[in-house]
Protein backbone atom coordinates (compact mmCIF):
# COMPACT_ATOMS: atom_id res chain seq x y z
CA MET A 1 0.00 0.00 0.00
CA GLY A 2 2.32 2.66 -1.23
CA ASN A 3 -0.30 5.42 -1.14
CA GLU A 4 -0.59 5.58 2.67
CA THR A 5 -0.33 9.02 4.19
CA SER A 6 0.66 9.49 7.79
CA LYS A 7 -2.03 10.81 10.08
CA PRO A 8 -1.28 13.46 12.70
CA ASP A 9 -0.82 12.13 16.23
CA PHE A 10 -3.10 13.98 18.67
CA SER A 11 -2.71 11.47 21.50
CA ASP A 12 -1.02 13.99 23.79
CA VAL A 13 -3.53 16.82 23.20
CA GLN A 14 -5.72 17.74 26.16
CA GLY A 15 -9.23 19.10 25.77
CA GLY A 16 -10.31 22.45 27.15
CA ALA A 17 -11.97 25.69 26.27
CA SER A 18 -11.01 29.29 26.48
CA SER A 19 -12.69 32.50 25.50
CA THR A 20 -11.89 36.17 25.40
CA ALA A 21 -15.60 37.05 25.26
CA PRO A 22 -16.81 39.14 28.18
CA ASP A 23 -18.64 37.24 30.90
CA ALA A 24 -22.39 37.85 30.55
CA ALA A 25 -22.72 37.88 34.33
CA ALA A 26 -20.18 40.68 34.63
CA GLN A 27 -22.38 43.41 33.12
CA THR A 28 -22.46 46.72 34.98
CA TYR A 29 -24.59 49.85 34.89
CA THR A 30 -23.53 53.34 35.95
CA VAL A 31 -26.33 55.18 37.73
CA VAL A 32 -27.37 58.56 36.30
CA SER A 33 -29.44 61.31 37.88
CA GLY A 34 -33.11 60.33 38.05
CA ASP A 35 -32.44 56.59 38.08
CA ASN A 36 -33.96 54.12 40.50
CA LEU A 37 -33.68 50.35 40.59
CA SER A 38 -37.08 49.91 38.92
CA LYS A 39 -36.08 52.13 35.99
CA ILE A 40 -32.80 50.29 35.61
CA ALA A 41 -34.56 46.90 35.74
CA LYS A 42 -37.07 48.06 33.11
CA HIS A 43 -34.18 49.18 30.87
CA VAL A 44 -32.08 46.02 31.37
CA TYR A 45 -34.69 43.27 31.77
CA GLY A 46 -37.79 44.86 30.25
CA ASN A 47 -39.59 44.48 33.59
CA ALA A 48 -39.45 47.05 36.40
CA ASN A 49 -40.48 44.38 38.91
CA GLU A 50 -37.06 42.72 38.51
CA TRP A 51 -35.40 45.54 40.54
CA HIS A 52 -34.78 43.14 43.46
CA ARG A 53 -32.34 41.11 41.32
CA ILE A 54 -30.15 44.19 40.94
CA PHE A 55 -30.49 45.06 44.63
CA ASP A 56 -29.56 41.53 45.73
CA ALA A 57 -26.49 41.51 43.46
CA ASN A 58 -25.30 44.79 44.98
CA ARG A 59 -25.94 44.26 48.69
CA ASP A 60 -22.21 44.80 49.25
CA GLN A 61 -22.73 48.48 48.39
CA LEU A 62 -26.48 49.04 48.88
CA ASP A 63 -28.27 49.01 52.23
CA ASN A 64 -31.51 50.49 50.92
CA PRO A 65 -32.97 49.95 47.43
CA ASP A 66 -34.19 53.56 47.41
CA ARG A 67 -30.72 55.00 47.96
CA ILE A 68 -28.58 54.83 44.84
CA ALA A 69 -26.38 57.68 43.69
CA PRO A 70 -25.35 59.04 40.29
CA GLY A 71 -21.96 57.66 39.31
CA GLN A 72 -22.44 54.48 41.31
CA VAL A 73 -21.55 51.37 39.30
CA LEU A 74 -23.98 48.51 39.88
CA LYS A 75 -23.50 44.86 38.94
CA ILE A 76 -26.29 43.62 36.67
CA PRO A 77 -26.98 39.88 36.97
CA ALA A 78 -27.46 37.98 33.73
CA LYS A 79 -30.99 37.62 32.42
CA ALA A 80 -32.56 34.37 33.53
């Protein structure tokens, strides 16, 4: 069989995945004057009633959902 071609040897290759795409869960939103969590939720999720998701994700910097300040950067959890 003189027409045989050698096949590449991948026996030592390990599987895995890598990506440079931004993490969907790492989205942020910078508060502007006039914002509240309901407005932000309406903008991001299309439903103002989802404000609690944003509040829960930012409990490290928010004590009260009614007290957000312009310039504050909030973490926005990924859409479910």
